[in-house]
PDB file of N, CA and C in Angstrom:
ATOM      1  N   MET A   1      34.714  33.064  11.722  1.00  0.00           N
ATOM      2  CA  MET A   1      33.651  31.800  11.385  1.00  0.00           C
ATOM      3  C   MET A   1      33.122  31.992   9.986  1.00  0.00           C
ATOM      4  N   SER A   2      34.004  31.301   8.712  1.00  0.00           N
ATOM      5  CA  SER A   2      33.558  31.379   7.164  1.00  0.00           C
ATOM      6  C   SER A   2      32.076  30.483   6.922  1.00  0.00           C
ATOM      7  N   ALA A   3      31.600  30.630   6.551  1.00  0.00           N
ATOM      8  CA  ALA A   3      30.570  29.689   6.192  1.00  0.00           C
ATOM      9  C   ALA A   3      31.046  28.858   4.791  1.00  0.00           C
ATOM     10  N   HIS A   4      30.409  26.955   5.361  1.00  0.00           N
ATOM     11  CA  HIS A   4      31.014  26.200   4.703  1.00  0.00           C
ATOM     12  C   HIS A   4      29.541  25.695   3.009  1.00  0.00           C
ATOM     13  N   PRO A   5      29.738  25.433   1.962  1.00  0.00           N
ATOM     14  CA  PRO A   5      28.618  25.434   1.201  1.00  0.00           C
ATOM     15  C   PRO A   5      28.474  23.786   1.991  1.00  0.00           C
ATOM     16  N   GLU A   6      27.306  23.659   1.574  1.00  0.00           N
ATOM     17  CA  GLU A   6      26.753  22.180   1.668  1.00  0.00           C
ATOM     18  C   GLU A   6      27.095  21.524  -0.301  1.00  0.00           C
ATOM     19  N   THR A   7      27.661  20.107   0.099  1.00  0.00           N
ATOM     20  CA  THR A   7      27.508  19.567  -1.642  1.00  0.00           C
ATOM     21  C   THR A   7      26.297  19.606  -1.778  1.00  0.00           C
ATOM     22  N   MET A   8      25.239  18.921  -1.079  1.00  0.00           N
ATOM     23  CA  MET A   8      23.793  18.905  -1.735  1.00  0.00           C
ATOM     24  C   MET A   8      22.677  19.542  -1.162  1.00  0.00           C
ATOM     25  N   HIS A   9      21.702  19.999  -1.215  1.00  0.00           N
ATOM     26  CA  HIS A   9      20.931  20.354  -0.907  1.00  0.00           C
ATOM     27  C   HIS A   9      19.209  20.918  -1.990  1.00  0.00           C
ATOM     28  N   LEU A  10      18.549  20.125  -1.160  1.00  0.00           N
ATOM     29  CA  LEU A  10      17.307  19.998  -1.812  1.00  0.00           C
ATOM     30  C   LEU A  10      15.970  19.928  -1.133  1.00  0.00           C
ATOM     31  N   GLU A  11      14.935  20.411  -1.652  1.00  0.00           N
ATOM     32  CA  GLU A  11      13.990  20.891  -0.393  1.00  0.00           C
ATOM     33  C   GLU A  11      12.870  19.615  -0.371  1.00  0.00           C
ATOM     34  N   GLY A  12      12.164  19.351   0.879  1.00  0.00           N
ATOM     35  CA  GLY A  12      12.012  17.864   1.220  1.00  0.00           C
ATOM     36  C   GLY A  12      10.550  18.016   1.625  1.00  0.00           C
ATOM     37  N   VAL A  13      10.663  16.415   2.425  1.00  0.00           N
ATOM     38  CA  VAL A  13       9.424  16.844   3.765  1.00  0.00           C
ATOM     39  C   VAL A  13       9.943  15.620   4.022  1.00  0.00           C
ATOM     40  N   HIS A  14       9.310  16.471   5.465  1.00  0.00           N
ATOM     41  CA  HIS A  14       9.921  15.643   7.062  1.00  0.00           C
ATOM     42  C   HIS A  14       8.397  14.499   7.056  1.00  0.00           C
ATOM     43  N   LEU A  15       8.649  13.637   6.987  1.00  0.00           N
ATOM     44  CA  LEU A  15       7.879  12.488   6.445  1.00  0.00           C
ATOM     45  C   LEU A  15       7.194  11.072   8.081  1.00  0.00           C
ATOM     46  N   ARG A  16       6.322  11.806   9.634  1.00  0.00           N
ATOM     47  CA  ARG A  16       6.127  10.460   9.973  1.00  0.00           C
ATOM     48  C   ARG A  16       5.018   9.966  10.362  1.00  0.00           C
ATOM     49  N   PHE A  17       4.960   8.879  10.995  1.00  0.00           N
ATOM     50  CA  PHE A  17       3.379   7.519  11.488  1.00  0.00           C
ATOM     51  C   PHE A  17       4.009   7.812  12.537  1.00  0.00           C
ATOM     52  N   PHE A  18       2.789   7.447  12.736  1.00  0.00           N
ATOM     53  CA  PHE A  18       2.836   6.868  14.883  1.00  0.00           C
ATOM     54  C   PHE A  18       1.764   5.294  14.947  1.00  0.00           C
ATOM     55  N   MET A  19       2.194   4.850  15.706  1.00  0.00           N
ATOM     56  CA  MET A  19       1.261   4.013  15.963  1.00  0.00           C
ATOM     57  C   MET A  19       2.037   2.834  17.969  1.00  0.00           C
ATOM     58  N   HIS A  20       0.879   1.828  18.314  1.00  0.00           N
ATOM     59  CA  HIS A  20       1.620   1.107  18.786  1.00  0.00           C
ATOM     60  C   HIS A  20       2.424  -0.302  18.423  1.00  0.00           C
ATOM     61  N   ALA A  21       3.481  -0.206  19.247  1.00  0.00           N
ATOM     62  CA  ALA A  21       4.742  -0.954  18.693  1.00  0.00           C
ATOM     63  C   ALA A  21       3.739  -2.876  18.163  1.00  0.00           C
ATOM     64  N   ASN A  22       2.958  -3.215  18.608  1.00  0.00           N
ATOM     65  CA  ASN A  22       2.538  -4.225  18.225  1.00  0.00           C
ATOM     66  C   ASN A  22       1.254  -4.497  16.872  1.00  0.00           C
ATOM     67  N   ALA A  23       1.275  -3.658  16.871  1.00  0.00           N
ATOM     68  CA  ALA A  23       0.213  -2.794  15.585  1.00  0.00           C
ATOM     69  C   ALA A  23       0.211  -3.391  14.456  1.00  0.00           C
ATOM     70  N   ARG A  24      -0.772  -4.212  14.034  1.00  0.00           N
ATOM     71  CA  ARG A  24      -0.074  -5.030  12.466  1.00  0.00           C
ATOM     72  C   ARG A  24      -1.041  -4.676  11.114  1.00  0.00           C
ATOM     73  N   HIS A  25       0.174  -5.422  10.108  1.00  0.00           N
ATOM     74  CA  HIS A  25      -0.738  -5.029   8.772  1.00  0.00           C
ATOM     75  C   HIS A  25      -0.737  -6.425   8.003  1.00  0.00           C
ATOM     76  N   LYS A  26      -2.298  -7.027   8.228  1.00  0.00           N
ATOM     77  CA  LYS A  26      -1.809  -8.263   7.103  1.00  0.00           C
ATOM     78  C   LYS A  26      -0.638  -9.211   7.787  1.00  0.00           C
ATOM     79  N   GLY A  27      -0.573  -8.713   9.276  1.00  0.00           N
ATOM     80  CA  GLY A  27       0.099 -10.307  10.248  1.00  0.00           C
ATOM     81  C   GLY A  27       2.116  -9.700  10.212  1.00  0.00           C
ATOM     82  N   LYS A  28       1.846  -8.945  10.071  1.00  0.00           N
ATOM     83  CA  LYS A  28       3.006  -8.152  10.114  1.00  0.00           C
ATOM     84  C   LYS A  28       3.441  -6.726  10.675  1.00  0.00           C
ATOM     85  N   LEU A  29       4.658  -6.979  11.789  1.00  0.00           N
ATOM     86  CA  LEU A  29       4.374  -5.156  12.615  1.00  0.00           C
ATOM     87  C   LEU A  29       4.097  -3.926  11.415  1.00  0.00           C
ATOM     88  N   LEU A  30       3.366  -3.553  11.616  1.00  0.00           N
ATOM     89  CA  LEU A  30       3.296  -2.821  10.933  1.00  0.00           C
ATOM     90  C   LEU A  30       4.096  -1.668  11.219  1.00  0.00           C
ATOM     91  N   TYR A  31       5.081  -0.781  12.253  1.00  0.00           N
ATOM     92  CA  TYR A  31       6.380  -0.242  11.894  1.00  0.00           C
ATOM     93  C   TYR A  31       7.143  -1.082  10.679  1.00  0.00           C
ATOM     94  N   GLU A  32       7.706  -2.157  10.546  1.00  0.00           N
ATOM     95  CA  GLU A  32       8.340  -3.391  10.038  1.00  0.00           C
ATOM     96  C   GLU A  32       7.528  -2.876   7.883  1.00  0.00           C
ATOM     97  N   TRP A  33       6.544  -3.128   8.359  1.00  0.00           N
ATOM     98  CA  TRP A  33       5.959  -3.605   7.206  1.00  0.00           C
ATOM     99  C   TRP A  33       5.886  -2.345   6.070  1.00  0.00           C
ATOM    100  N   LEU A  34       5.818  -0.756   7.315  1.00  0.00           N
ATOM    101  CA  LEU A  34       6.049   0.418   6.419  1.00  0.00           C
ATOM    102  C   LEU A  34       7.482   0.697   6.339  1.00  0.00           C
ATOM    103  N   LEU A  35       8.610   0.385   6.818  1.00  0.00           N
ATOM    104  CA  LEU A  35      10.260  -0.094   6.594  1.00  0.00           C
ATOM    105  C   LEU A  35       9.889  -1.054   5.136  1.00  0.00           C
ATOM    106  N   GLU A  36       9.976  -1.784   5.026  1.00  0.00           N
ATOM    107  CA  GLU A  36       9.697  -2.556   3.940  1.00  0.00           C
ATOM    108  C   GLU A  36       9.037  -2.242   2.277  1.00  0.00           C
ATOM    109  N   LYS A  37       7.468  -1.716   2.757  1.00  0.00           N
ATOM    110  CA  LYS A  37       7.243  -1.127   1.473  1.00  0.00           C
ATOM    111  C   LYS A  37       8.357   0.598   0.976  1.00  0.00           C
ATOM    112  N   ALA A  38       8.248   1.214   1.634  1.00  0.00           N
ATOM    113  CA  ALA A  38       9.233   2.330   1.813  1.00  0.00           C
ATOM    114  C   ALA A  38      11.290   1.590   0.681  1.00  0.00           C
ATOM    115  N   ARG A  39      11.544   0.498   1.229  1.00  0.00           N
ATOM    116  CA  ARG A  39      12.706   0.226   0.819  1.00  0.00           C
ATOM    117  C   ARG A  39      12.614  -0.054  -0.766  1.00  0.00           C
ATOM    118  N   HIS A  40      10.983  -1.373  -0.499  1.00  0.00           N
ATOM    119  CA  HIS A  40      10.980  -1.422  -1.621  1.00  0.00           C
ATOM    120  C   HIS A  40      10.439  -0.592  -2.934  1.00  0.00           C
ATOM    121  N   GLU A  41      10.076   0.355  -3.123  1.00  0.00           N
ATOM    122  CA  GLU A  41       9.864   1.437  -4.019  1.00  0.00           C
ATOM    123  C   GLU A  41      10.933   2.505  -3.926  1.00  0.00           C
ATOM    124  N   LYS A  42      12.048   2.112  -2.958  1.00  0.00           N
ATOM    125  CA  LYS A  42      13.348   2.390  -3.157  1.00  0.00           C
ATOM    126  C   LYS A  42      13.892   4.013  -3.186  1.00  0.00           C
ATOM    127  N   LEU A  43      13.353   4.332  -2.146  1.00  0.00           N
ATOM    128  CA  LEU A  43      12.822   6.003  -1.025  1.00  0.00           C
ATOM    129  C   LEU A  43      14.799   6.008  -0.217  1.00  0.00           C
ATOM    130  N   ALA A  44      14.969   6.765   0.402  1.00  0.00           N
ATOM    131  CA  ALA A  44      16.356   6.761   0.781  1.00  0.00           C
ATOM    132  C   ALA A  44      15.868   6.081   1.247  1.00  0.00           C
ATOM    133  N   GLY A  45      15.854   5.556   2.805  1.00  0.00           N
ATOM    134  CA  GLY A  45      15.488   5.591   4.177  1.00  0.00           C
ATOM    135  C   GLY A  45      14.002   5.866   4.959  1.00  0.00           C
ATOM    136  N   GLY A  46      14.249   4.929   6.127  1.00  0.00           N
ATOM    137  CA  GLY A  46      13.467   5.542   6.597  1.00  0.00           C
ATOM    138  C   GLY A  46      14.160   4.916   8.202  1.00  0.00           C
ATOM    139  N   SER A  47      13.351   5.236   9.696  1.00  0.00           N
ATOM    140  CA  SER A  47      13.686   4.782  10.634  1.00  0.00           C
ATOM    141  C   SER A  47      12.715   4.285  11.443  1.00  0.00           C
ATOM    142  N   ALA A  48      12.723   3.497  12.406  1.00  0.00           N
ATOM    143  CA  ALA A  48      11.675   3.065  13.699  1.00  0.00           C
ATOM    144  C   ALA A  48      12.741   4.220  14.885  1.00  0.00           C
ATOM    145  N   PHE A  49      11.227   4.534  15.503  1.00  0.00           N
ATOM    146  CA  PHE A  49      11.677   4.668  16.795  1.00  0.00           C
ATOM    147  C   PHE A  49      10.610   4.887  17.914  1.00  0.00           C
ATOM    148  N   ARG A  50      11.244   3.730  19.154  1.00  0.00           N
ATOM    149  CA  ARG A  50       9.941   3.278  19.965  1.00  0.00           C
ATOM    150  C   ARG A  50      10.770   3.919  20.987  1.00  0.00           C
ATOM    151  N   ALA A  51       8.873   4.752  21.722  1.00  0.00           N
ATOM    152  CA  ALA A  51       8.895   6.001  22.667  1.00  0.00           C
ATOM    153  C   ALA A  51       9.046   5.266  24.549  1.00  0.00           C
ATOM    154  N   ILE A  52       9.532   6.016  25.269  1.00  0.00           N
ATOM    155  CA  ILE A  52       9.552   5.427  26.627  1.00  0.00           C
ATOM    156  C   ILE A  52       8.290   6.008  27.713  1.00  0.00           C
ATOM    157  N   ALA A  53       7.389   7.155  27.053  1.00  0.00           N
ATOM    158  CA  ALA A  53       6.841   7.059  26.953  1.00  0.00           C
ATOM    159  C   ALA A  53       5.189   7.574  26.419  1.00  0.00           C
ATOM    160  N   GLY A  54       4.214   8.013  26.567  1.00  0.00           N
ATOM    161  CA  GLY A  54       3.772   8.330  25.657  1.00  0.00           C
ATOM    162  C   GLY A  54       2.021   8.254  25.845  1.00  0.00           C
ATOM    163  N   PHE A  55       1.313   8.926  24.795  1.00  0.00           N
ATOM    164  CA  PHE A  55      -0.046   8.962  25.235  1.00  0.00           C
ATOM    165  C   PHE A  55      -0.838   9.324  23.644  1.00  0.00           C
ATOM    166  N   GLY A  56      -1.754   8.915  22.961  1.00  0.00           N
ATOM    167  CA  GLY A  56      -2.518   9.136  22.244  1.00  0.00           C
ATOM    168  C   GLY A  56      -3.576   9.986  22.050  1.00  0.00           C
ATOM    169  N   ARG A  57      -4.364   9.711  20.773  1.00  0.00           N
ATOM    170  CA  ARG A  57      -5.071  10.637  20.745  1.00  0.00           C
ATOM    171  C   ARG A  57      -6.829  10.301  21.847  1.00  0.00           C
ATOM    172  N   HIS A  58      -6.368   8.582  22.295  1.00  0.00           N
ATOM    173  CA  HIS A  58      -7.648   8.541  22.856  1.00  0.00           C
ATOM    174  C   HIS A  58      -7.279   8.537  25.031  1.00  0.00           C
ATOM    175  N   GLY A  59      -6.415   9.176  24.820  1.00  0.00           N
ATOM    176  CA  GLY A  59      -5.517   9.807  26.611  1.00  0.00           C
ATOM    177  C   GLY A  59      -5.252   8.844  27.164  1.00  0.00           C
ATOM    178  N   VAL A  60      -4.779   7.541  26.874  1.00  0.00           N
ATOM    179  CA  VAL A  60      -4.293   6.704  27.491  1.00  0.00           C
ATOM    180  C   VAL A  60      -2.863   6.955  27.726  1.00  0.00           C
ATOM    181  N   LEU A  61      -2.285   7.004  28.913  1.00  0.00           N
ATOM    182  CA  LEU A  61      -0.578   7.262  29.259  1.00  0.00           C
ATOM    183  C   LEU A  61       0.300   5.543  29.335  1.00  0.00           C
ATOM    184  N   HIS A  62       0.755   5.361  28.195  1.00  0.00           N
ATOM    185  CA  HIS A  62       1.628   4.908  28.620  1.00  0.00           C
ATOM    186  C   HIS A  62       3.275   4.293  28.658  1.00  0.00           C
ATOM    187  N   GLU A  63       3.501   3.906  29.443  1.00  0.00           N
ATOM    188  CA  GLU A  63       5.232   3.797  29.744  1.00  0.00           C
ATOM    189  C   GLU A  63       6.270   3.536  30.058  1.00  0.00           C
ATOM    190  N   GLU A  64       7.447   3.046  29.815  1.00  0.00           N
ATOM    191  CA  GLU A  64       8.586   1.553  29.303  1.00  0.00           C
ATOM    192  C   GLU A  64       8.742   1.152  30.827  1.00  0.00           C
ATOM    193  N   ALA A  65       8.011   0.679  31.992  1.00  0.00           N
ATOM    194  CA  ALA A  65       8.214   0.031  33.148  1.00  0.00           C
ATOM    195  C   ALA A  65       8.012  -1.238  33.303  1.00  0.00           C
ATOM    196  N   PHE A  66       8.520  -2.325  33.827  1.00  0.00           N
ATOM    197  CA  PHE A  66       8.417  -3.473  34.110  1.00  0.00           C
ATOM    198  C   PHE A  66       6.867  -4.117  33.816  1.00  0.00           C
ATOM    199  N   PHE A  67       6.321  -3.428  34.395  1.00  0.00           N
ATOM    200  CA  PHE A  67       4.706  -3.843  34.516  1.00  0.00           C
ATOM    201  C   PHE A  67       4.428  -3.376  33.066  1.00  0.00           C
ATOM    202  N   GLU A  68       4.827  -3.352  32.531  1.00  0.00           N
ATOM    203  CA  GLU A  68       4.294  -2.498  30.699  1.00  0.00           C
ATOM    204  C   GLU A  68       4.141  -3.013  29.626  1.00  0.00           C
ATOM    205  N   LEU A  69       3.302  -3.676  28.900  1.00  0.00           N
ATOM    206  CA  LEU A  69       4.220  -4.523  28.081  1.00  0.00           C
ATOM    207  C   LEU A  69       4.022  -3.525  26.666  1.00  0.00           C
ATOM    208  N   ALA A  70       5.484  -4.142  26.743  1.00  0.00           N
ATOM    209  CA  ALA A  70       6.094  -3.144  25.556  1.00  0.00           C
ATOM    210  C   ALA A  70       5.318  -3.151  24.226  1.00  0.00           C
ATOM    211  N   GLY A  71       4.449  -3.857  23.842  1.00  0.00           N
ATOM    212  CA  GLY A  71       3.618  -3.929  22.599  1.00  0.00           C
ATOM    213  C   GLY A  71       2.031  -2.577  22.636  1.00  0.00           C
ATOM    214  N   ASP A  72       1.975  -1.926  24.096  1.00  0.00           N
ATOM    215  CA  ASP A  72       1.462  -0.769  23.790  1.00  0.00           C
ATOM    216  C   ASP A  72       2.694   0.775  23.922  1.00  0.00           C
ATOM    217  N   LEU A  73       3.476   0.788  23.341  1.00  0.00           N
ATOM    218  CA  LEU A  73       4.000   1.673  23.215  1.00  0.00           C
ATOM    219  C   LEU A  73       4.183   2.380  22.636  1.00  0.00           C
ATOM    220  N   PRO A  74       4.288   3.844  21.878  1.00  0.00           N
ATOM    221  CA  PRO A  74       4.237   4.818  21.300  1.00  0.00           C
ATOM    222  C   PRO A  74       5.495   4.135  19.875  1.00  0.00           C
ATOM    223  N   VAL A  75       5.453   3.881  18.430  1.00  0.00           N
ATOM    224  CA  VAL A  75       6.112   4.366  18.149  1.00  0.00           C
ATOM    225  C   VAL A  75       6.509   5.244  17.031  1.00  0.00           C
ATOM    226  N   ARG A  76       7.445   5.557  16.640  1.00  0.00           N
ATOM    227  CA  ARG A  76       7.446   6.568  15.591  1.00  0.00           C
ATOM    228  C   ARG A  76       8.063   6.475  14.028  1.00  0.00           C
ATOM    229  N   VAL A  77       7.457   5.902  13.513  1.00  0.00           N
ATOM    230  CA  VAL A  77       7.977   5.584  11.804  1.00  0.00           C
ATOM    231  C   VAL A  77       8.706   7.358  10.933  1.00  0.00           C
ATOM    232  N   GLU A  78      10.234   7.312  10.326  1.00  0.00           N
ATOM    233  CA  GLU A  78       9.734   8.682   9.951  1.00  0.00           C
ATOM    234  C   GLU A  78      11.002   8.340   8.101  1.00  0.00           C
ATOM    235  N   PHE A  79      10.548   9.661   7.993  1.00  0.00           N
ATOM    236  CA  PHE A  79      10.769   8.869   6.912  1.00  0.00           C
ATOM    237  C   PHE A  79      12.059  10.669   6.090  1.00  0.00           C
ATOM    238  N   VAL A  80      12.722  11.358   5.274  1.00  0.00           N
ATOM    239  CA  VAL A  80      12.970  12.272   5.117  1.00  0.00           C
ATOM    240  C   VAL A  80      13.323  12.215   3.153  1.00  0.00           C
ATOM    241  N   LEU A  81      12.301  12.844   2.702  1.00  0.00           N
ATOM    242  CA  LEU A  81      12.320  12.133   1.225  1.00  0.00           C
ATOM    243  C   LEU A  81      11.714  13.841   0.712  1.00  0.00           C
ATOM    244  N   ARG A  82      11.666  13.271  -0.566  1.00  0.00           N
ATOM    245  CA  ARG A  82      11.648  14.575  -1.688  1.00  0.00           C
ATOM    246  C   ARG A  82       9.659  14.642  -1.279  1.00  0.00           C
ATOM    247  N   GLU A  83       8.808  15.893  -1.793  1.00  0.00           N
ATOM    248  CA  GLU A  83       7.923  15.685  -1.946  1.00  0.00           C
ATOM    249  C   GLU A  83       6.340  14.344  -2.778  1.00  0.00           C
ATOM    250  N   GLU A  84       7.545  14.290  -3.656  1.00  0.00           N
ATOM    251  CA  GLU A  84       6.740  13.108  -4.641  1.00  0.00           C
ATOM    252  C   GLU A  84       7.286  11.558  -4.067  1.00  0.00           C
ATOM    253  N   GLU A  85       7.985  11.385  -3.373  1.00  0.00           N
ATOM    254  CA  GLU A  85       8.832  10.603  -2.438  1.00  0.00           C
ATOM    255  C   GLU A  85       7.650  10.629  -1.227  1.00  0.00           C
ATOM    256  N   ALA A  86       7.536  11.141  -0.430  1.00  0.00           N
ATOM    257  CA  ALA A  86       6.508  11.108   0.453  1.00  0.00           C
ATOM    258  C   ALA A  86       4.501  10.936  -0.269  1.00  0.00           C
ATOM    259  N   GLU A  87       4.508  11.961  -1.305  1.00  0.00           N
ATOM    260  CA  GLU A  87       2.843  11.406  -1.555  1.00  0.00           C
ATOM    261  C   GLU A  87       2.772  10.109  -1.684  1.00  0.00           C
ATOM    262  N   ARG A  88       3.717   9.525  -2.565  1.00  0.00           N
ATOM    263  CA  ARG A  88       4.154   8.283  -3.227  1.00  0.00           C
ATOM    264  C   ARG A  88       3.607   6.884  -1.892  1.00  0.00           C
ATOM    265  N   MET A  89       4.345   7.018  -0.857  1.00  0.00           N
ATOM    266  CA  MET A  89       4.498   6.644   0.652  1.00  0.00           C
ATOM    267  C   MET A  89       3.231   6.826   1.131  1.00  0.00           C
ATOM    268  N   LEU A  90       2.650   7.925   1.204  1.00  0.00           N
ATOM    269  CA  LEU A  90       1.138   8.266   1.401  1.00  0.00           C
ATOM    270  C   LEU A  90       0.155   7.516   0.455  1.00  0.00           C
ATOM    271  N   ASP A  91       0.595   7.579  -0.191  1.00  0.00           N
ATOM    272  CA  ASP A  91      -0.634   6.363  -1.292  1.00  0.00           C
ATOM    273  C   ASP A  91      -0.375   5.420  -1.067  1.00  0.00           C
ATOM    274  N   ILE A  92       1.069   4.520  -0.433  1.00  0.00           N
ATOM    275  CA  ILE A  92       0.402   3.639  -0.451  1.00  0.00           C
ATOM    276  C   ILE A  92       0.169   2.785   0.571  1.00  0.00           C
ATOM    277  N   VAL A  93       0.103   3.898   1.632  1.00  0.00           N
ATOM    278  CA  VAL A  93      -0.713   3.209   3.189  1.00  0.00           C
ATOM    279  C   VAL A  93      -2.636   3.823   2.698  1.00  0.00           C
ATOM    280  N   ARG A  94      -2.482   4.727   1.756  1.00  0.00           N
ATOM    281  CA  ARG A  94      -4.176   4.456   2.110  1.00  0.00           C
ATOM    282  C   ARG A  94      -4.400   3.823   0.857  1.00  0.00           C
ATOM    283  N   GLU A  95      -3.772   2.872  -0.145  1.00  0.00           N
ATOM    284  CA  GLU A  95      -4.425   1.962  -1.216  1.00  0.00           C
ATOM    285  C   GLU A  95      -4.207   0.767  -0.403  1.00  0.00           C
ATOM    286  N   ALA A  96      -2.782   0.548   1.114  1.00  0.00           N
ATOM    287  CA  ALA A  96      -3.369  -0.701   1.957  1.00  0.00           C
ATOM    288  C   ALA A  96      -4.805  -0.946   2.702  1.00  0.00           C
ATOM    289  N   GLY A  97      -5.646   0.282   2.575  1.00  0.00           N
ATOM    290  CA  GLY A  97      -6.384   0.862   4.198  1.00  0.00           C
ATOM    291  C   GLY A  97      -5.837   0.917   5.269  1.00  0.00           C
ATOM    292  N   VAL A  98      -4.733   1.365   5.452  1.00  0.00           N
ATOM    293  CA  VAL A  98      -4.500   1.038   7.096  1.00  0.00           C
ATOM    294  C   VAL A  98      -5.119   2.594   7.847  1.00  0.00           C
ATOM    295  N   GLU A  99      -5.143   2.618   9.038  1.00  0.00           N
ATOM    296  CA  GLU A  99      -5.319   3.516   9.582  1.00  0.00           C
ATOM    297  C   GLU A  99      -4.212   3.767  10.700  1.00  0.00           C
ATOM    298  N   LEU A 100      -3.883   4.900  10.223  1.00  0.00           N
ATOM    299  CA  LEU A 100      -2.002   4.761  10.579  1.00  0.00           C
ATOM    300  C   LEU A 100      -2.621   7.051  11.199  1.00  0.00           C
ATOM    301  N   VAL A 101      -1.994   7.118  12.018  1.00  0.00           N
ATOM    302  CA  VAL A 101      -1.636   9.170  12.077  1.00  0.00           C
ATOM    303  C   VAL A 101      -0.596   9.273  11.894  1.00  0.00           C
ATOM    304  N   TYR A 102      -0.728  10.178  10.833  1.00  0.00           N
ATOM    305  CA  TYR A 102       0.683  10.920  10.588  1.00  0.00           C
ATOM    306  C   TYR A 102       0.931  12.104   9.855  1.00  0.00           C
ATOM    307  N   ALA A 103       2.045  12.746   9.943  1.00  0.00           N
ATOM    308  CA  ALA A 103       2.340  14.036  10.327  1.00  0.00           C
ATOM    309  C   ALA A 103       2.949  14.546   8.828  1.00  0.00           C
ATOM    310  N   SER A 104       3.502  15.717   8.273  1.00  0.00           N
ATOM    311  CA  SER A 104       4.498  15.347   6.992  1.00  0.00           C
ATOM    312  C   SER A 104       4.748  17.313   7.822  1.00  0.00           C
ATOM    313  N   SER A 105       6.197  18.172   7.161  1.00  0.00           N
ATOM    314  CA  SER A 105       6.730  19.332   7.556  1.00  0.00           C
ATOM    315  C   SER A 105       7.444  19.401   5.680  1.00  0.00           C
ATOM    316  N   PRO A 106       7.388  20.747   5.403  1.00  0.00           N
ATOM    317  CA  PRO A 106       8.392  21.174   3.707  1.00  0.00           C
ATOM    318  C   PRO A 106      10.114  21.336   5.299  1.00  0.00           C
ATOM    319  N   ILE A 107      10.882  20.235   4.871  1.00  0.00           N
ATOM    320  CA  ILE A 107      12.459  20.507   5.065  1.00  0.00           C
ATOM    321  C   ILE A 107      13.379  21.236   4.568  1.00  0.00           C
ATOM    322  N   HIS A 108      14.552  21.338   4.733  1.00  0.00           N
ATOM    323  CA  HIS A 108      15.709  21.963   3.693  1.00  0.00           C
ATOM    324  C   HIS A 108      16.672  20.847   3.854  1.00  0.00           C
ATOM    325  N   ILE A 109      16.734  20.276   3.040  1.00  0.00           N
ATOM    326  CA  ILE A 109      17.809  18.820   3.133  1.00  0.00           C
ATOM    327  C   ILE A 109      19.352  19.006   2.446  1.00  0.00           C
ATOM    328  N   GLY A 110      19.663  18.618   3.206  1.00  0.00           N
ATOM    329  CA  GLY A 110      21.428  18.944   2.912  1.00  0.00           C
ATOM    330  C   GLY A 110      22.602  17.900   3.436  1.00  0.00           C
ATOM    331  N   VAL A 111      23.113  17.369   2.636  1.00  0.00           N
ATOM    332  CA  VAL A 111      25.031  16.387   2.390  1.00  0.00           C
ATOM    333  C   VAL A 111      26.097  17.303   2.953  1.00  0.00           C
ATOM    334  N   LEU A 112      26.713  17.182   4.485  1.00  0.00           N
ATOM    335  CA  LEU A 112      27.637  17.681   4.014  1.00  0.00           C
ATOM    336  C   LEU A 112      28.985  16.906   3.687  1.00  0.00           C
ATOM    337  N   GLY A 113      30.412  17.349   3.750  1.00  0.00           N
ATOM    338  CA  GLY A 113      31.328  16.277   3.708  1.00  0.00           C
ATOM    339  C   GLY A 113      31.885  16.271   2.162  1.00  0.00           C
ATOM    340  N   LYS A 114      32.644  15.110   2.502  1.00  0.00           N
ATOM    341  CA  LYS A 114      33.148  14.242   0.838  1.00  0.00           C
ATOM    342  C   LYS A 114      31.559  13.343   0.360  1.00  0.00           C
ATOM    343  N   THR A 115      31.122  13.409  -0.379  1.00  0.00           N
ATOM    344  CA  THR A 115      29.836  12.883  -1.931  1.00  0.00           C
ATOM    345  C   THR A 115      31.040  11.488  -2.144  1.00  0.00           C
ATOM    346  N   GLY A 116      32.574  11.462  -1.637  1.00  0.00           N
ATOM    347  CA  GLY A 116      32.672  10.012  -2.990  1.00  0.00           C
ATOM    348  C   GLY A 116      33.178  10.407  -4.181  1.00  0.00           C
ATOM    349  N   LYS A 117      33.285  11.488  -4.431  1.00  0.00           N
ATOM    350  CA  LYS A 117      33.493  12.190  -5.705  1.00  0.00           C
ATOM    351  C   LYS A 117      34.700  13.157  -5.447  1.00  0.00           C
ATOM    352  N   ASP A 118      36.142  12.560  -5.455  1.00  0.00           N
ATOM    353  CA  ASP A 118      37.344  13.327  -6.002  1.00  0.00           C
ATOM    354  C   ASP A 118      37.889  13.620  -6.779  1.00  0.00           C
TER     355      ASP A 118
END
């Protein structure tokens, strides 16, 4: 098995924010606000994921079920960014005064395959 070089490789940050699905900032759903701010800053991209079950720092378990309100379920918004972009995103959240749990980890970012430059 031979190794194939990656087309692009760089160091980056996996930045994740955690919130309840119904959390809002200035009337907008918080996960939508985060994604819109990142897009406005021309960051590479972000995604929001809703959990089927989870609990937070207060220990209250929420599960996706008929009787459970969907707004109580945890949501994770994540980005794969260069370090300076991750710091810019954190600064945006800080300056907005949003209380939000986040995690960041160093990562290796690569793109495999064609880049469109033949």
